[in-house]
Each structure stands twice: as structure tokens, then as C-alpha cells.
Amino acid sequence: MEKAGQVAAWLAIALVGLFAGVMSAMEVSGALEREREYRASPVCASVPVTASACVWEQAFTVRESATNEGDDGKEPAATLLLPSGKPWSVAFRSTGPVLSRMRPGDPVVGVVWHGGIVEVRDAGGLRQQTTFGPVGWPADRLGGALAFISFGLTALVGSLWAIVKRHDRRHQRAAAMVRWHGVALGVTAILSVWAQLNNNWPMWAIWAIWGPLALVLLATMVASAIAALRSNGEGYGLFTEPPVLPVPPSRPAARESSVAPGSGGLPREYRMSRGRRNGLLAVLVAKAALLLFMVWSEDIPPFWLQLGTSVLVVPTVIVCFVRVPRTATLIDSAGIRVRGITHTRRVAWEDVQDIRAEPVRGSDGSFVPRVVVYAYLTVGGRKLLKHVDDQEYDVDREIAVLRAAWAGLHRTDTAPDVPAA
């Protein structure tokens, strides 16, 4: 059962996210109206004396510019000079594409609306909105609303579920699945907004990107919750440490040994430790994020390839987060079950010819184990026993126990002897 403090923290974060999402949603309408007003504004017949709703273009000269990268709290900004020499300060939401190219003395054109510079255009025709500009704000607000509301609602449901069913481990695991899928929904919404802004797509592209991904994530969430509810207690969440077998502190190199027949020590479970598991998932997330960044930041790939890559990568990461903690080798009197990410392979004791430790070529033992264990089958071939390795367990001790169980439980009259190698 999860700690009450963790569930309370999730509940508080969910409520804050939901509140922020509602506030962002309320601002979408106003931002859309302001952008429509700007786009419909006529060109001024002459330079207005006071702030006006018409649009006019003014020539400027750059006096100085500063990206302010690394300065917390400071926006990218520039100081522009009118032909009269009067300075005009403007701030930007980002450093590109115009601000990063500005140099003192460069000529630029500023678009003025309601007495403020809403856009700056350089000599090459590149345009960049200022913080006063209305273009892009609706997409930002919509993205914030989608991210915070989707996360807030999902995390709220998962938190309340955990509180109501706080004494049921299966319901606790299902609630945790729901909450973490809420995080994925929020991150996906943010990435969708980033892709839309980076490619200057219309605002409906946010829905086109986020909608299918959200449906996939919701389907995965429901399937994961159902699987957690139907589990018999063998499954463990990403942040729940599975029980490990007691092992001596020293782990000598594996060697083949024989013990007296017998099936003592069963059942046994072999799982990946939390440190290795979280490290593996962190590497997976980093590589997936790098792939998505490369695909969406380049203009070369077509849209269908960008969207298709996202549809494949995001669910794959979610499935790995859900299924990797459940991978294990489970051994009992009926035989061996090797549970992978996609399926479970069952091997009866009478189908096992031998159990051996094998070295892993090229491994230095830092992340990949030096020694792994295989079950050699009577029909030929071998099956890797997941997580039975020298990084997790004492291989000598475990092979001795497994061979003793095999010697006491297998029937030698069911299959001809086939060479193991």
C-alpha cells in the first residue's frame, strides 16, 4: 500500500494542475478574439499620432539586442531606434528567428498596433512576434489547457481511487497506472504545442497531433488498470520494489555444480532490481525524446512521418513503463515461466535438459551482466532465464537450487536425449 503522504502529494498536484488548466481554458477565448482583431485590422492611412487599432509599419535601426540566455527571469529583448533617434524597447518570447540574428546597426521593420510593436521583420524577410503580439497566444493557452486539464483530471481520478481503495494492493497499483498515464497525457500535449509552434502550423494541428496520441494513451491506461486489477499479486509498479531473494553479499563467478536431487526452495521469483530498471527506463525515455526532437525540429521529414513516429514512439515508451517492471522468471513445481514484455513462455520440467550459466561476451559488468543463465531444452535450443544473472543474484547458489528442483521434478522418459549444445 502506498504511503498516505505520496497520495496526498499527488492529490494536491492534481488539483493545482486542474486549476491551472481551467484558467488557461478561460483565456483561450480572449486570446482568439484578440488575434482575430489584429488580423482584421486595416492598414493606417497615415502614421497615427496616438495608439490606434490600425496597423502600420515603422523602420527602425537596432541599437542593441540581448538573448539573456542563462539569466533567470530575463526575457530576450532588444532596443530599436526610430529615425529621430528615440529608443523603443521590445521583448520577445524566444531568441529566434529574428532576435538571434540582430546586430547593432541592422535595419528592421516593426509592425505597430495599439501603440506597441507586435512583430519585427529583418532585411531577409524573417518575422518574429514580440511579447505584445497576439499571434500564437491562443495556441499557447490551448496547449496549457490540454496539458493541465488532462493531467489534472487523470491524476485526480487516480488519487481519489487510491484513497478510497487504500487497503487493496491491486487497486493501489491500478490507481498508480492511471496517475502516471496522466503525466504522459500532459507531456504529449506540451510536445504537440511545441511541434505546432515550431512548424508554424494552424492551431487545429494541436488537436490533430494530440488527439490520436491521447486516445492511444487512454486505451493503454485502461488496459494497464484492468491488468493490475486482474493480477494475482505478482505484478509490481514502477516505483514499488519487488521482493528479492536473500543472497550473500559476495557474488562469485558462476560455475557448474551438482547437488543432491530435490525440489526444495520453490517457488522462486527473479526480477530486475529497481536501480537497473529505472536506469533502463531513463535511457529509453532520453532516446525517445531525442528521436522526437530530431523528427519535429527538422523541416525535411513529411508530416505523416513526423506524426507516425510520434504515434509509435510514445505508446512504446508507455508500454515499456508498464510492462518492464513485470518481466520476471517464475519457477515452481510445474516448471519455468519466463515473462517478457509482450508474452510469457512456459517450459515444463520434463522439457528441460540442463540449466547452465554462460558468460556474456564483451560485458564489463557495469550495466550488462557478465554471466546469465539458460535452460537447455530437450527438443534443442535454449531459453534465457530473465534476470537470473550475476548482477542480481548469486548465480552459483541459484543454479544449484534450480538443478536440484529439476532433478527431483522432471521425468526422463518423456523425450529422447538431445545434445544441449
Protein backbone atom coordinates (compact mmCIF):
# COMPACT_ATOMS: atom_id res chain seq x y z
CA MET A 1 0.00 0.00 0.00
CA GLU A 2 1.28 3.42 -0.93
CA LYS A 3 2.18 5.91 1.73
CA ALA A 4 -0.54 8.39 2.59
CA GLY A 5 1.89 11.27 2.02
CA GLN A 6 2.54 10.22 -1.58
CA VAL A 7 -1.15 10.01 -2.40
CA ALA A 8 -1.78 13.37 -0.71
CA ALA A 9 1.01 14.94 -2.78
CA TRP A 10 -0.48 13.52 -5.97
CA LEU A 11 -3.89 14.85 -4.99
CA ALA A 12 -2.53 18.35 -4.32
CA ILE A 13 -0.59 18.43 -7.60
CA ALA A 14 -3.66 17.21 -9.49
CA LEU A 15 -5.84 19.96 -8.02
CA VAL A 16 -3.26 22.64 -8.83
CA GLY A 17 -2.90 21.33 -12.38
CA LEU A 18 -6.64 21.22 -12.87
CA PHE A 19 -6.98 24.81 -11.63
CA ALA A 20 -4.20 26.00 -13.97
CA GLY A 21 -5.84 24.17 -16.87
CA VAL A 22 -9.22 25.77 -16.25
CA MET A 23 -7.62 29.22 -16.06
CA SER A 24 -5.78 28.60 -19.35
CA ALA A 25 -9.00 27.40 -20.99
CA MET A 26 -10.79 30.58 -19.90
CA GLU A 27 -8.06 32.65 -21.57
CA VAL A 28 -8.28 30.83 -24.92
CA SER A 29 -11.42 32.70 -25.96
CA GLY A 30 -9.95 36.11 -25.16
CA ALA A 31 -6.70 35.29 -26.92
CA LEU A 32 -8.57 34.13 -30.03
CA GLU A 33 -10.64 37.31 -30.10
CA ARG A 34 -7.52 39.50 -29.82
CA GLU A 35 -5.76 37.60 -32.60
CA ARG A 36 -8.80 37.86 -34.87
CA GLU A 37 -8.98 41.58 -34.17
CA TYR A 38 -5.32 42.02 -35.10
CA ARG A 39 -5.61 40.05 -38.32
CA ALA A 40 -8.69 42.06 -39.33
CA SER A 41 -7.13 45.44 -38.52
CA PRO A 42 -6.77 47.76 -41.53
CA VAL A 43 -3.56 49.44 -42.56
CA CYS A 44 -3.27 53.00 -41.24
CA ALA A 45 -3.74 55.67 -43.90
CA SER A 46 -1.06 57.75 -42.20
CA VAL A 47 1.20 57.49 -39.18
CA PRO A 48 -1.16 57.72 -36.18
CA VAL A 49 -0.44 60.28 -33.52
CA THR A 50 -1.96 58.17 -30.73
CA ALA A 51 -2.40 54.44 -30.16
CA SER A 52 -4.69 53.14 -32.87
CA ALA A 53 -6.39 49.89 -33.85
CA CYS A 54 -4.96 50.14 -37.37
CA VAL A 55 -1.64 48.56 -38.35
CA TRP A 56 1.35 50.46 -39.65
CA GLU A 57 4.97 49.60 -40.32
CA GLN A 58 7.84 51.63 -38.96
CA ALA A 59 11.51 51.44 -39.93
CA PHE A 60 13.98 51.01 -37.07
CA THR A 61 17.68 50.55 -36.52
CA VAL A 62 18.94 48.04 -33.98
CA ARG A 63 20.88 49.67 -31.19
CA GLU A 64 21.39 46.53 -29.07
CA SER A 65 19.96 43.08 -28.56
CA ALA A 66 20.28 40.51 -25.79
CA THR A 67 19.11 36.91 -25.80
CA ASN A 68 19.58 36.75 -21.99
CA GLU A 69 20.19 33.04 -22.18
CA GLY A 70 21.08 31.71 -18.76
CA ASP A 71 19.74 34.80 -16.98
CA ASP A 72 16.82 33.65 -14.86
CA GLY A 73 13.76 35.86 -15.09
CA LYS A 74 15.05 37.96 -18.01
CA GLU A 75 13.24 37.88 -21.33
CA PRO A 76 15.06 38.13 -24.66
CA ALA A 77 14.94 41.82 -25.57
CA ALA A 78 16.21 44.47 -27.97
CA THR A 79 16.38 48.25 -28.19
CA LEU A 80 15.34 49.75 -31.54
CA LEU A 81 15.92 53.33 -32.68
CA LEU A 82 13.44 55.44 -34.61
CA PRO A 83 14.79 57.66 -37.39
CA SER A 84 14.55 60.52 -34.89
CA GLY A 85 16.90 58.66 -32.55
CA LYS A 86 14.23 57.85 -29.96
CA PRO A 87 14.76 54.37 -28.46
CA TRP A 88 11.98 51.78 -28.35
CA SER A 89 12.43 48.67 -26.20
CA VAL A 90 10.78 45.39 -27.17
CA ALA A 91 10.74 41.94 -25.53
CA PHE A 92 10.40 38.57 -27.20
CA ARG A 93 9.16 35.16 -26.09
CA SER A 94 12.17 33.37 -27.61
CA THR A 95 15.53 34.13 -29.16
CA GLY A 96 14.67 33.22 -32.76
CA PRO A 97 14.42 33.55 -35.57
CA VAL A 98 14.97 37.32 -35.76
CA LEU A 99 16.42 38.34 -32.39
CA SER A 100 19.36 35.93 -32.57
CA ARG A 101 20.38 37.47 -35.92
CA MET A 102 20.14 41.11 -34.81
CA ARG A 103 23.33 43.14 -34.74
CA PRO A 104 23.81 46.82 -33.82
CA GLY A 105 23.12 49.00 -36.85
CA ASP A 106 20.94 46.41 -38.66
CA PRO A 107 17.78 47.84 -40.27
CA VAL A 108 14.50 46.20 -39.20
CA VAL A 109 10.80 46.90 -39.62
CA GLY A 110 8.41 46.93 -36.70
CA VAL A 111 4.68 46.35 -37.02
CA VAL A 112 2.87 48.69 -34.64
CA TRP A 113 -0.65 48.05 -33.34
CA HIS A 114 -2.44 49.72 -30.43
CA GLY A 115 0.71 51.69 -29.68
CA GLY A 116 3.01 48.67 -29.31
CA ILE A 117 5.36 46.71 -31.55
CA VAL A 118 3.72 43.37 -32.18
CA GLU A 119 6.15 42.00 -34.77
CA VAL A 120 9.70 42.63 -36.00
CA ARG A 121 10.87 41.81 -39.54
CA ASP A 122 14.50 41.78 -40.61
CA ALA A 123 16.00 42.58 -44.01
CA GLY A 124 15.78 38.94 -45.05
CA GLY A 125 12.02 38.80 -44.50
CA LEU A 126 12.10 36.73 -41.31
CA ARG A 127 9.37 37.63 -38.81
CA GLN A 128 9.15 37.25 -35.05
CA GLN A 129 6.34 38.11 -32.68
CA THR A 130 7.06 40.18 -29.59
CA THR A 131 5.51 39.55 -26.20
CA PHE A 132 2.91 42.18 -27.12
CA GLY A 133 1.98 40.36 -30.30
CA PRO A 134 -1.35 38.48 -30.27
CA VAL A 135 -0.38 35.76 -32.74
CA GLY A 136 0.39 32.42 -31.09
CA TRP A 137 -1.16 33.15 -27.71
CA PRO A 138 -4.33 31.08 -28.39
CA ALA A 139 -2.19 28.03 -29.19
CA ASP A 140 -0.16 28.55 -26.02
CA ARG A 141 -3.31 28.82 -23.91
CA LEU A 142 -4.91 25.84 -25.62
CA GLY A 143 -1.78 23.76 -25.08
CA GLY A 144 -1.67 24.73 -21.42
CA ALA A 145 -5.34 23.89 -21.02
CA LEU A 146 -4.93 20.48 -22.66
CA ALA A 147 -1.79 19.64 -20.69
CA PHE A 148 -3.02 20.73 -17.26
CA ILE A 149 -6.63 19.56 -17.58
CA SER A 150 -5.74 16.13 -18.99
CA PHE A 151 -3.11 15.61 -16.31
CA GLY A 152 -5.21 17.13 -13.52
CA LEU A 153 -8.33 15.07 -14.23
CA THR A 154 -6.45 11.81 -14.67
CA ALA A 155 -4.24 12.32 -11.63
CA LEU A 156 -7.27 13.36 -9.58
CA VAL A 157 -9.12 10.16 -10.50
CA GLY A 158 -6.04 8.07 -9.68
CA SER A 159 -5.50 9.84 -6.35
CA LEU A 160 -9.12 9.53 -5.21
CA TRP A 161 -9.13 5.89 -6.31
CA ALA A 162 -6.04 5.22 -4.19
CA ILE A 163 -7.65 6.92 -1.19
CA VAL A 164 -10.95 5.04 -1.47
CA LYS A 165 -9.21 1.66 -2.01
CA ARG A 166 -6.24 2.32 0.24
CA HIS A 167 -6.24 -1.21 1.71
CA ASP A 168 -6.29 -3.08 -1.61
CA ARG A 169 -2.89 -3.57 -3.27
CA ARG A 170 -4.35 -4.32 -6.69
CA HIS A 171 -6.45 -1.15 -6.69
CA GLN A 172 -3.41 0.79 -5.50
CA ARG A 173 -1.40 -0.43 -8.49
CA ALA A 174 -4.25 0.35 -10.89
CA ALA A 175 -4.58 3.86 -9.45
CA ALA A 176 -0.83 4.42 -9.89
CA MET A 177 -1.12 3.38 -13.55
CA VAL A 178 -3.88 5.95 -14.05
CA ARG A 179 -1.86 8.75 -12.45
CA TRP A 180 1.29 8.13 -14.47
CA HIS A 181 -0.71 7.98 -17.69
CA GLY A 182 -1.99 11.43 -16.72
CA VAL A 183 1.60 12.65 -16.71
CA ALA A 184 2.07 11.16 -20.18
CA LEU A 185 -1.08 12.91 -21.44
CA GLY A 186 0.19 16.27 -20.17
CA VAL A 187 3.66 15.81 -21.67
CA THR A 188 2.16 14.77 -25.00
CA ALA A 189 0.04 17.93 -25.09
CA ILE A 190 3.11 20.09 -24.45
CA LEU A 191 5.04 18.32 -27.23
CA SER A 192 2.08 18.84 -29.59
CA VAL A 193 2.09 22.58 -28.93
CA TRP A 194 5.84 22.71 -29.40
CA ALA A 195 5.55 20.94 -32.76
CA GLN A 196 2.76 23.29 -33.88
CA LEU A 197 4.68 26.43 -32.97
CA ASN A 198 7.98 25.16 -34.36
CA ASN A 199 6.41 24.45 -37.75
CA ASN A 200 4.03 27.45 -37.84
CA TRP A 201 1.02 25.19 -38.31
CA PRO A 202 -2.56 26.37 -37.65
CA MET A 203 -3.97 25.84 -34.19
CA TRP A 204 -6.11 22.88 -35.24
CA ALA A 205 -2.85 20.94 -35.74
CA ILE A 206 -2.59 20.68 -31.95
CA TRP A 207 -5.81 18.66 -31.88
CA ALA A 208 -4.69 16.64 -34.92
CA ILE A 209 -1.46 15.63 -33.18
CA TRP A 210 -2.60 15.31 -29.59
CA GLY A 211 -5.98 13.69 -30.24
CA PRO A 212 -4.79 10.33 -31.66
CA LEU A 213 -1.95 10.13 -29.15
CA ALA A 214 -4.36 10.85 -26.29
CA LEU A 215 -6.70 8.07 -27.48
CA VAL A 216 -3.79 5.61 -27.57
CA LEU A 217 -2.68 6.65 -24.09
CA LEU A 218 -6.20 6.35 -22.71
CA ALA A 219 -6.55 2.88 -24.20
CA THR A 220 -3.21 1.91 -22.70
CA MET A 221 -4.27 3.35 -19.35
CA VAL A 222 -7.49 1.34 -19.28
CA ALA A 223 -5.69 -1.85 -20.31
CA SER A 224 -2.99 -1.32 -17.67
CA ALA A 225 -5.53 -0.66 -14.93
CA ILE A 226 -7.52 -3.77 -15.86
CA ALA A 227 -4.35 -5.86 -15.92
CA ALA A 228 -3.42 -4.56 -12.46
CA LEU A 229 -6.87 -5.41 -11.10
CA ARG A 230 -6.75 -8.91 -12.56
CA SER A 231 -3.23 -9.63 -11.37
CA ASN A 232 -2.71 -12.16 -8.63
CA GLY A 233 -0.22 -10.08 -6.73
CA GLU A 234 2.80 -10.92 -8.89
CA GLY A 235 2.91 -7.53 -10.64
CA TYR A 236 4.79 -4.58 -9.23
CA GLY A 237 4.65 -0.96 -10.20
CA LEU A 238 7.46 1.21 -11.47
CA PHE A 239 8.17 2.63 -8.01
CA THR A 240 7.28 -0.45 -5.97
CA GLU A 241 10.22 -2.65 -5.10
CA PRO A 242 9.53 -6.36 -5.72
CA PRO A 243 10.60 -8.87 -3.11
CA VAL A 244 14.07 -10.19 -3.80
CA LEU A 245 15.58 -13.42 -2.69
CA PRO A 246 18.14 -13.14 0.11
CA VAL A 247 21.63 -13.51 -1.29
CA PRO A 248 25.02 -13.39 0.31
CA PRO A 249 26.93 -10.12 -0.09
CA SER A 250 29.61 -11.70 -2.25
CA ARG A 251 28.76 -12.97 -5.73
CA PRO A 252 31.50 -15.31 -7.01
CA ALA A 253 31.85 -16.16 -10.71
CA ALA A 254 29.34 -18.73 -11.89
CA ARG A 255 30.43 -22.34 -12.28
CA GLU A 256 28.60 -25.57 -13.00
CA SER A 257 27.89 -27.63 -9.89
CA SER A 258 25.70 -30.55 -8.96
CA VAL A 259 23.61 -31.06 -5.87
CA ALA A 260 21.51 -33.83 -4.46
CA PRO A 261 18.06 -34.25 -6.10
CA GLY A 262 15.17 -32.44 -4.54
CA SER A 263 12.66 -29.66 -5.19
CA GLY A 264 13.23 -27.55 -2.09
CA GLY A 265 13.40 -23.79 -2.36
CA LEU A 266 10.40 -23.43 -4.73
CA PRO A 267 8.64 -21.32 -5.77
CA ARG A 268 11.24 -18.70 -6.74
CA GLU A 269 10.98 -15.32 -8.46
CA TYR A 270 13.74 -13.48 -10.28
CA ARG A 271 13.20 -9.80 -11.10
CA MET A 272 15.25 -6.80 -12.15
CA SER A 273 16.36 -4.56 -9.32
CA ARG A 274 14.82 -1.11 -9.06
CA GLY A 275 18.11 0.65 -9.82
CA ARG A 276 18.72 -1.21 -13.10
CA ARG A 277 15.08 -0.95 -14.08
CA ASN A 278 14.85 2.80 -13.55
CA GLY A 279 18.19 3.30 -15.30
CA LEU A 280 17.00 1.31 -18.31
CA LEU A 281 13.75 3.29 -18.49
CA ALA A 282 15.60 6.59 -18.13
CA VAL A 283 17.81 5.71 -21.11
CA LEU A 284 14.74 4.70 -23.10
CA VAL A 285 12.96 7.99 -22.36
CA ALA A 286 16.06 10.02 -23.22
CA LYS A 287 16.49 8.28 -26.58
CA ALA A 288 12.78 8.59 -27.39
CA ALA A 289 12.82 12.31 -26.54
CA LEU A 290 15.92 12.82 -28.69
CA LEU A 291 14.29 11.00 -31.61
CA LEU A 292 11.10 13.08 -31.37
CA PHE A 293 13.15 16.28 -31.09
CA MET A 294 15.12 15.42 -34.22
CA VAL A 295 12.00 14.50 -36.18
CA TRP A 296 9.95 17.56 -35.22
CA SER A 297 12.75 20.14 -35.28
CA GLU A 298 13.66 19.44 -38.90
CA ASP A 299 11.63 20.63 -41.87
CA ILE A 300 12.75 17.77 -44.10
CA PRO A 301 10.55 14.88 -42.88
CA PRO A 302 6.96 14.96 -44.20
CA PHE A 303 4.14 15.48 -41.72
CA TRP A 304 2.92 11.88 -41.98
CA LEU A 305 6.37 10.64 -40.96
CA GLN A 306 6.53 13.04 -38.00
CA LEU A 307 3.06 12.08 -36.80
CA GLY A 308 3.60 8.37 -37.44
CA THR A 309 6.87 8.39 -35.49
CA SER A 310 5.16 10.06 -32.54
CA VAL A 311 2.27 7.58 -32.64
CA LEU A 312 4.75 4.70 -32.49
CA VAL A 313 7.31 6.10 -30.05
CA VAL A 314 5.02 7.44 -27.31
CA PRO A 315 2.92 4.26 -26.85
CA THR A 316 6.08 2.16 -26.98
CA VAL A 317 7.56 4.13 -24.09
CA ILE A 318 4.31 3.82 -22.14
CA VAL A 319 4.14 0.06 -22.74
CA CYS A 320 7.74 -0.32 -21.55
CA PHE A 321 6.98 1.67 -18.39
CA VAL A 322 4.04 -0.63 -17.70
CA ARG A 323 5.50 -3.97 -18.74
CA VAL A 324 9.22 -3.83 -17.87
CA PRO A 325 8.55 -3.97 -14.09
CA ARG A 326 6.52 -7.14 -14.67
CA THR A 327 9.24 -9.03 -16.54
CA ALA A 328 10.48 -11.94 -14.47
CA THR A 329 11.42 -15.59 -14.34
CA LEU A 330 8.96 -17.52 -12.15
CA ILE A 331 9.79 -21.08 -11.13
CA ASP A 332 7.54 -23.54 -9.31
CA SER A 333 6.80 -27.26 -9.25
CA ALA A 334 5.03 -27.08 -12.65
CA GLY A 335 8.03 -25.68 -14.48
CA ILE A 336 9.57 -22.40 -15.59
CA ARG A 337 7.73 -19.27 -16.73
CA VAL A 338 9.75 -16.55 -18.44
CA ARG A 339 7.61 -13.42 -18.58
CA GLY A 340 8.78 -10.86 -21.15
CA ILE A 341 7.42 -7.51 -22.23
CA THR A 342 4.97 -8.93 -24.79
CA HIS A 343 4.38 -12.58 -23.85
CA THR A 344 5.12 -15.36 -21.37
CA ARG A 345 7.00 -18.54 -22.32
CA ARG A 346 6.22 -21.66 -20.27
CA VAL A 347 8.61 -24.62 -20.06
CA ALA A 348 7.71 -27.81 -18.21
CA TRP A 349 10.38 -29.57 -16.17
CA GLU A 350 10.27 -32.64 -18.46
CA ASP A 351 11.25 -30.35 -21.38
CA VAL A 352 14.40 -29.14 -19.62
CA GLN A 353 17.65 -30.99 -20.28
CA ASP A 354 20.06 -28.81 -18.33
CA ILE A 355 20.45 -25.43 -16.63
CA ARG A 356 23.75 -23.65 -17.19
CA ALA A 357 25.46 -20.32 -16.64
CA GLU A 358 27.05 -18.69 -19.69
CA PRO A 359 29.37 -15.66 -19.92
CA VAL A 360 28.24 -12.60 -21.84
CA ARG A 361 30.86 -11.69 -24.40
CA GLY A 362 32.19 -8.15 -24.23
CA SER A 363 30.41 -7.25 -20.98
CA ASP A 364 32.32 -5.28 -18.38
CA GLY A 365 29.64 -5.84 -15.75
CA SER A 366 28.71 -2.14 -15.42
CA PHE A 367 25.21 -2.36 -16.88
CA VAL A 368 25.11 -5.65 -18.79
CA PRO A 369 25.73 -8.69 -16.55
CA ARG A 370 28.83 -10.80 -17.05
CA VAL A 371 27.02 -14.11 -16.52
CA VAL A 372 23.48 -15.16 -17.46
CA VAL A 373 21.61 -18.44 -17.05
CA TYR A 374 19.96 -20.54 -19.76
CA ALA A 375 17.61 -23.52 -19.62
CA TYR A 376 18.63 -26.01 -22.35
CA LEU A 377 15.63 -27.84 -23.81
CA THR A 378 15.25 -31.49 -24.76
CA VAL A 379 13.94 -30.51 -28.21
CA GLY A 380 17.05 -28.44 -28.84
CA GLY A 381 17.86 -24.81 -28.29
CA ARG A 382 17.93 -22.85 -25.08
CA LYS A 383 15.82 -20.30 -23.22
CA LEU A 384 17.26 -17.31 -21.38
CA LEU A 385 16.08 -17.09 -17.78
CA LYS A 386 15.46 -13.35 -17.45
CA HIS A 387 17.16 -11.56 -14.56
CA VAL A 388 18.94 -14.69 -13.32
CA ASP A 389 22.39 -13.14 -13.60
CA ASP A 390 25.39 -12.12 -11.53
CA GLN A 391 24.17 -8.54 -11.12
CA GLU A 392 21.01 -9.57 -9.31
CA TYR A 393 21.74 -12.91 -7.62
CA ASP A 394 24.42 -15.37 -6.59
CA VAL A 395 24.48 -17.43 -9.79
CA ASP A 396 26.21 -20.46 -8.19
CA ARG A 397 23.61 -20.69 -5.46
CA GLU A 398 20.64 -20.23 -7.79
CA ILE A 399 21.85 -22.80 -10.32
CA ALA A 400 22.32 -25.29 -7.51
CA VAL A 401 18.74 -24.75 -6.30
CA LEU A 402 17.29 -24.89 -9.83
CA ARG A 403 19.17 -28.05 -10.74
CA ALA A 404 18.05 -29.69 -7.52
CA ALA A 405 14.43 -28.83 -8.35
CA TRP A 406 14.85 -30.05 -11.93
CA ALA A 407 16.42 -33.33 -10.81
CA GLY A 408 13.53 -34.00 -8.46
CA LEU A 409 10.65 -32.94 -10.73
CA HIS A 410 11.50 -33.78 -14.37
CA ARG A 411 10.59 -37.09 -16.00
CA THR A 412 13.33 -38.54 -18.15
CA ASP A 413 11.06 -40.94 -20.05
CA THR A 414 9.05 -38.33 -21.94
CA ALA A 415 11.58 -37.22 -24.56
CA PRO A 416 14.78 -38.53 -26.14
CA ASP A 417 18.07 -37.08 -25.04
CA VAL A 418 19.13 -34.25 -27.35
CA PRO A 419 22.53 -32.60 -27.11
CA ALA A 420 22.29 -29.28 -25.28
CA ALA A 421 24.86 -27.52 -27.41
